[in-house]
Protein backbone atom coordinates (compact mmCIF):
# COMPACT_ATOMS: atom_id res chain seq x y z
CA MET A 1 0.00 0.00 0.00
CA LYS A 2 2.81 2.40 0.85
CA THR A 3 4.55 1.80 -2.47
CA GLU A 4 1.27 2.40 -4.31
CA LYS A 5 0.92 5.79 -2.60
CA PHE A 6 4.41 6.83 -3.73
CA GLN A 7 3.65 5.66 -7.25
CA SER A 8 0.51 7.78 -7.64
CA PRO A 9 0.88 10.57 -10.24
CA ARG A 10 0.21 13.41 -7.79
CA VAL A 11 2.79 12.15 -5.27
CA LEU A 12 5.39 11.63 -7.98
CA GLU A 13 4.68 15.11 -9.38
CA ALA A 14 5.06 16.64 -5.91
CA LEU A 15 8.35 14.80 -5.33
CA LEU A 16 9.73 15.97 -8.66
CA THR A 17 8.60 19.60 -8.49
CA GLY A 18 8.94 20.09 -4.72
CA PRO A 19 12.73 20.67 -4.57
CA GLY A 20 12.59 23.17 -7.45
CA LEU A 21 9.69 25.08 -5.90
CA ILE A 22 11.45 25.21 -2.51
CA TRP A 23 14.61 26.47 -4.22
CA LEU A 24 12.67 29.24 -5.99
CA LEU A 25 10.85 30.18 -2.80
CA VAL A 26 13.98 30.41 -0.64
CA PHE A 27 16.45 31.91 -3.11
CA PHE A 28 14.19 33.98 -5.39
CA LEU A 29 10.74 34.86 -4.03
CA LEU A 30 11.75 35.60 -0.44
CA PRO A 31 14.81 37.76 -1.35
CA THR A 32 12.75 39.61 -3.97
CA PHE A 33 9.98 40.26 -1.46
CA ASN A 34 12.58 41.43 1.09
CA VAL A 35 14.02 43.89 -1.45
CA LEU A 36 10.51 45.22 -2.09
CA LEU A 37 9.98 45.74 1.66
CA ILE A 38 13.32 47.57 1.99
CA SER A 39 12.23 50.01 -0.72
CA PHE A 40 9.44 51.20 1.63
CA ARG A 41 11.86 51.89 4.50
CA PRO A 42 13.70 55.19 5.10
CA SER A 43 17.46 55.43 4.70
CA THR A 44 19.84 56.55 7.44
CA LEU A 45 22.83 58.88 7.25
CA THR A 46 25.15 55.97 8.03
CA GLY A 47 23.97 54.01 5.01
CA GLY A 48 21.61 51.69 6.85
CA ILE A 49 17.87 51.07 6.86
CA GLY A 50 15.79 53.26 9.16
CA GLU A 51 12.73 52.45 11.22
CA GLY A 52 9.18 52.84 10.00
CA TRP A 53 7.70 52.97 6.54
CA THR A 54 7.72 55.67 3.87
CA LEU A 55 6.97 56.37 0.21
CA GLU A 56 9.79 58.90 -0.05
CA THR A 57 12.01 56.48 -1.93
CA PHE A 58 9.47 56.04 -4.72
CA THR A 59 8.94 59.79 -4.99
CA GLN A 60 12.69 60.08 -5.66
CA LEU A 61 12.21 57.87 -8.73
CA ARG A 62 10.67 60.91 -10.45
CA ASN A 63 14.21 62.00 -11.27
CA PRO A 64 14.03 63.42 -14.84
CA ASN A 65 17.10 61.39 -15.85
CA TYR A 66 15.54 58.03 -14.99
CA PRO A 67 13.14 57.69 -17.97
CA LEU A 68 16.07 58.14 -20.38
CA ILE A 69 18.16 55.59 -18.48
CA VAL A 70 15.29 53.08 -18.40
CA PHE A 71 14.68 53.56 -22.13
CA ARG A 72 18.40 53.14 -22.86
CA THR A 73 18.46 49.96 -20.74
CA LEU A 74 15.52 48.46 -22.63
CA TRP A 75 16.77 49.56 -26.04
CA VAL A 76 20.37 48.36 -25.56
CA SER A 77 19.25 45.05 -24.02
CA ALA A 78 16.84 44.44 -26.91
CA TRP A 79 19.56 45.17 -29.47
CA ILE A 80 22.03 42.83 -27.74
CA THR A 81 19.43 40.06 -27.63
CA ALA A 82 18.46 40.52 -31.28
CA LEU A 83 22.09 40.45 -32.45
CA CYS A 84 22.85 37.36 -30.35
CA LEU A 85 19.90 35.56 -31.94
CA LEU A 86 20.89 36.80 -35.40
CA PHE A 87 24.31 35.17 -35.00
CA SER A 88 23.19 32.13 -33.01
CA ILE A 89 20.49 30.76 -35.32
CA PRO A 90 22.69 30.35 -38.46
CA VAL A 91 25.61 29.04 -36.38
CA ALA A 92 23.35 26.54 -34.61
CA TYR A 93 22.03 25.42 -38.00
CA CYS A 94 25.57 24.82 -39.28
CA LEU A 95 26.59 23.01 -36.09
CA ALA A 96 23.55 20.75 -36.20
CA ARG A 97 24.25 19.86 -39.86
CA ALA A 98 27.99 19.39 -39.32
CA PRO A 99 29.51 15.88 -39.29
CA ALA A 100 29.46 14.20 -35.87
CA ARG A 101 33.26 14.23 -35.51
CA TRP A 102 33.33 18.03 -35.94
CA LYS A 103 30.48 19.02 -33.61
CA THR A 104 32.41 18.57 -30.36
CA ARG A 105 35.46 20.36 -31.74
CA LEU A 106 33.45 23.32 -32.99
CA LEU A 107 31.57 23.64 -29.70
CA LEU A 108 34.89 23.49 -27.84
CA LEU A 109 36.29 26.29 -30.02
CA ILE A 110 33.24 28.39 -29.20
CA MET A 111 33.43 27.77 -25.44
CA VAL A 112 37.21 27.87 -24.80
CA PRO A 113 37.55 31.70 -24.85
CA PHE A 114 34.81 31.95 -22.23
CA LEU A 115 36.77 29.87 -19.74
CA THR A 116 38.78 33.04 -19.10
CA ASN A 117 37.71 35.33 -16.26
CA PHE A 118 34.84 37.67 -17.22
CA ILE A 119 36.58 40.85 -16.01
CA ILE A 120 39.76 39.98 -17.90
CA ARG A 121 37.80 39.56 -21.12
CA VAL A 122 36.05 42.90 -20.65
CA PHE A 123 39.37 44.68 -19.99
CA ALA A 124 40.83 42.94 -23.04
CA TRP A 125 38.13 44.62 -25.14
CA LYS A 126 39.03 47.92 -23.51
CA VAL A 127 42.59 47.44 -24.75
CA ILE A 128 41.38 46.40 -28.22
CA LEU A 129 39.11 49.45 -28.57
CA HIS A 130 41.60 51.91 -27.06
CA PRO A 131 42.25 55.01 -29.22
CA GLU A 132 45.88 53.88 -29.59
CA GLY A 133 44.98 50.22 -30.08
CA TRP A 134 45.48 48.18 -33.24
CA VAL A 135 41.80 48.38 -34.27
CA ALA A 136 41.78 52.18 -34.23
CA SER A 137 45.16 52.28 -35.98
CA ALA A 138 43.91 49.93 -38.71
CA PHE A 139 40.70 51.90 -39.24
CA ILE A 140 42.66 55.16 -39.49
CA ALA A 141 45.14 53.60 -41.93
CA VAL A 142 42.41 52.48 -44.36
CA GLY A 143 40.46 55.72 -43.97
CA TRP A 144 37.45 54.28 -42.14
CA MET A 145 37.98 56.53 -39.13
CA GLU A 146 39.52 59.89 -38.40
CA ALA A 147 42.30 60.29 -35.86
CA GLY A 148 40.95 61.05 -32.40
CA THR A 149 37.64 59.23 -32.92
CA GLN A 150 36.64 57.39 -29.74
CA LEU A 151 35.70 53.72 -30.04
CA LEU A 152 35.20 53.37 -26.30
CA TYR A 153 32.68 54.97 -23.94
CA ASN A 154 29.60 54.81 -26.14
CA VAL A 155 26.55 52.61 -26.56
CA HIS A 156 27.96 50.86 -29.64
CA ALA A 157 30.96 49.61 -27.68
CA VAL A 158 28.64 48.32 -24.94
CA VAL A 159 26.55 46.43 -27.51
CA LEU A 160 29.66 44.95 -29.16
CA VAL A 161 31.23 43.65 -25.95
CA SER A 162 27.89 42.45 -24.57
CA VAL A 163 27.15 40.45 -27.73
CA TYR A 164 30.62 38.88 -27.48
CA THR A 165 30.01 38.06 -23.81
CA TYR A 166 26.49 36.64 -24.00
CA LEU A 167 26.66 34.92 -27.39
CA PRO A 168 27.27 31.42 -25.90
CA PHE A 169 24.21 31.84 -23.65
CA SER A 170 22.21 32.35 -26.83
CA LEU A 171 23.97 29.78 -29.01
CA LEU A 172 23.78 26.75 -26.72
CA PRO A 173 19.97 26.59 -26.23
CA VAL A 174 19.38 27.33 -29.91
CA TYR A 175 21.84 24.58 -30.85
CA ALA A 176 20.13 22.16 -28.44
CA ALA A 177 16.82 22.81 -30.23
CA ALA A 178 18.41 22.61 -33.69
CA GLU A 179 20.00 19.27 -32.80
CA LYS A 180 16.51 17.79 -32.32
CA PHE A 181 15.05 19.38 -35.46
CA ASP A 182 13.98 17.08 -38.32
CA PHE A 183 15.89 18.48 -41.29
CA THR A 184 13.87 16.40 -43.74
CA LEU A 185 11.18 19.05 -43.24
CA LEU A 186 13.44 21.56 -44.99
CA GLU A 187 13.88 19.20 -47.93
CA ALA A 188 10.12 18.69 -48.09
CA ALA A 189 9.53 22.45 -48.06
CA MET A 190 12.00 22.96 -50.92
CA ASP A 191 10.37 20.11 -52.86
CA LEU A 192 7.07 21.98 -52.50
CA GLY A 193 8.53 25.12 -54.06
CA CYS A 194 10.18 27.03 -51.20
CA LYS A 195 13.58 28.52 -51.76
CA ARG A 196 16.34 27.59 -49.32
CA LEU A 197 16.18 30.90 -47.39
CA GLU A 198 12.38 30.81 -47.35
CA ALA A 199 12.41 27.26 -45.97
CA PHE A 200 14.98 28.31 -43.38
CA LEU A 201 12.84 31.22 -42.15
CA LYS A 202 9.41 29.56 -42.37
CA VAL A 203 10.26 26.01 -41.30
CA PHE A 204 13.55 25.87 -39.40
CA VAL A 205 13.20 29.01 -37.26
CA PRO A 206 9.63 28.21 -36.07
CA GLY A 207 10.74 24.62 -35.47
CA ILE A 208 13.36 25.72 -32.93
CA SER A 209 11.13 28.38 -31.31
CA ARG A 210 11.54 26.91 -27.82
CA GLY A 211 15.30 27.24 -28.04
CA VAL A 212 14.95 30.78 -29.38
CA TRP A 213 12.67 31.77 -26.47
CA THR A 214 15.09 30.26 -23.97
CA ALA A 215 18.02 32.08 -25.56
CA THR A 216 16.05 35.34 -25.51
CA LEU A 217 15.46 35.08 -21.77
CA LEU A 218 19.05 34.01 -21.02
CA VAL A 219 20.42 37.07 -22.83
CA LEU A 220 17.77 39.72 -22.19
CA ILE A 221 17.36 39.30 -18.42
CA PRO A 222 21.10 39.54 -17.50
CA ASN A 223 21.54 42.56 -19.77
CA LEU A 224 18.68 44.44 -18.17
CA GLY A 225 20.60 44.39 -14.89
CA ALA A 226 24.14 44.52 -16.27
CA TYR A 227 26.49 47.17 -14.91
CA VAL A 228 30.06 45.88 -15.33
CA ILE A 229 30.28 46.20 -19.13
CA PRO A 230 28.45 49.57 -19.29
CA ASP A 231 30.68 50.87 -16.49
CA ILE A 232 34.03 49.74 -17.94
CA ILE A 233 33.30 50.04 -21.66
CA GLY A 234 30.45 52.55 -21.84
CA GLY A 235 31.32 55.20 -19.28
CA HIS A 236 28.87 57.72 -17.83
CA ARG A 237 27.30 58.51 -21.22
CA SER A 238 26.13 54.91 -21.59
CA MET A 239 24.88 54.47 -18.06
CA MET A 240 22.16 51.85 -17.60
CA LEU A 241 19.79 51.00 -14.78
CA GLY A 242 22.22 48.49 -13.28
CA ASN A 243 24.84 51.24 -12.98
CA ILE A 244 22.42 53.47 -11.06
CA ILE A 245 21.56 50.62 -8.67
CA ALA A 246 25.27 49.90 -8.10
CA ARG A 247 25.97 53.60 -7.47
CA ARG A 248 23.11 53.93 -4.96
CA LEU A 249 24.25 50.74 -3.24
CA PHE A 250 28.03 51.13 -3.08
CA SER A 251 28.73 54.87 -3.43
CA ASP A 252 25.68 56.65 -1.99
CA ARG A 253 24.88 53.88 0.53
CA ASN A 254 21.18 54.50 -0.03
CA LEU A 255 19.86 50.96 0.31
CA PRO A 256 16.11 51.79 0.06
CA HIS A 257 16.68 53.75 -3.16
CA ALA A 258 18.69 50.87 -4.61
CA ALA A 259 15.93 48.48 -3.54
CA ALA A 260 13.27 50.63 -5.24
CA LEU A 261 15.25 50.68 -8.48
CA SER A 262 15.76 46.91 -8.19
CA SER A 263 12.00 46.46 -7.77
CA LEU A 264 11.47 48.57 -10.91
CA LEU A 265 13.97 46.39 -12.76
CA THR A 266 12.16 43.25 -11.56
CA LEU A 267 8.91 44.61 -13.00
CA LEU A 268 10.65 45.36 -16.29
CA VAL A 269 11.72 41.71 -16.43
CA LEU A 270 8.57 40.00 -15.14
CA VAL A 271 5.86 41.97 -16.96
CA PRO A 272 7.04 41.10 -20.52
CA MET A 273 7.50 37.46 -19.48
CA VAL A 274 3.97 37.25 -18.07
CA VAL A 275 2.55 38.90 -21.21
CA VAL A 276 4.41 36.47 -23.50
CA ILE A 277 3.28 33.44 -21.47
CA PHE A 278 -0.32 34.70 -21.50
CA VAL A 279 -0.29 35.29 -25.27
CA ARG A 280 1.24 31.89 -25.97
CA ARG A 281 -1.34 30.12 -23.82
CA ARG A 282 -4.15 32.01 -25.56
CA ARG A 283 -2.78 30.91 -28.93
CA GLU A 284 -2.41 27.29 -27.79
CA ALA A 285 -5.94 27.32 -26.39
CA SER A 286 -7.35 28.76 -29.63
CA THR A 287 -5.66 26.06 -31.70
């Protein structure tokens, strides 16, 4: 009788999902709720959290510079995600169609550079894009750039380095989906009159949509809160929401203000996800 109870579908489902739900509750929901509570507390002159409750922190969010920073954060993160997907989908296609003996080697070549420390790689890009670096010298020599033009400390440099950094997080889930794709569907589509590019866009890309969605989340969410690359590569002119949170936390020691900005960032992440999930479920229900 006891073994039959453990073999029931509901018990097995609870045993499988229970550890994951507990993990999310302890390490995600509770800390997020605690950050939200801190945002309603006053700050102290010593950098701590005061007694009582207040809405003063949220009134400070009416800073006229914040809408521009939020827009820049969303725009830059969206561009980084789109470029990562633009590179990842064709590469994943080629990897999935490559001979078996080459797949492991190609994946290893993609992953080896990312075994280096993250900060070292970011500073390496700072050296590469330096006004006296070899890239600037080459561009000046061929006439693509005038002397004194700054490659660093702008949004374009942030996008470039971020795409380089997060490309594996986009490539791996897309490749995992492409590996399971039935490529005979492409041949069937071309037999029915589709051109190769048309079959790629209308058959292959929708067929790996789960991998594309996973890659989108893995790239978009970290970039919405990123502050290391914008700080080192972008400078103050490319400041994003993560930089403001870090400044309020480490420099200003205003923990409630940092918590309020973090709560705003959480909403920026969760609301689009909830909307996408709702739309997808409506489409699945209608079909």
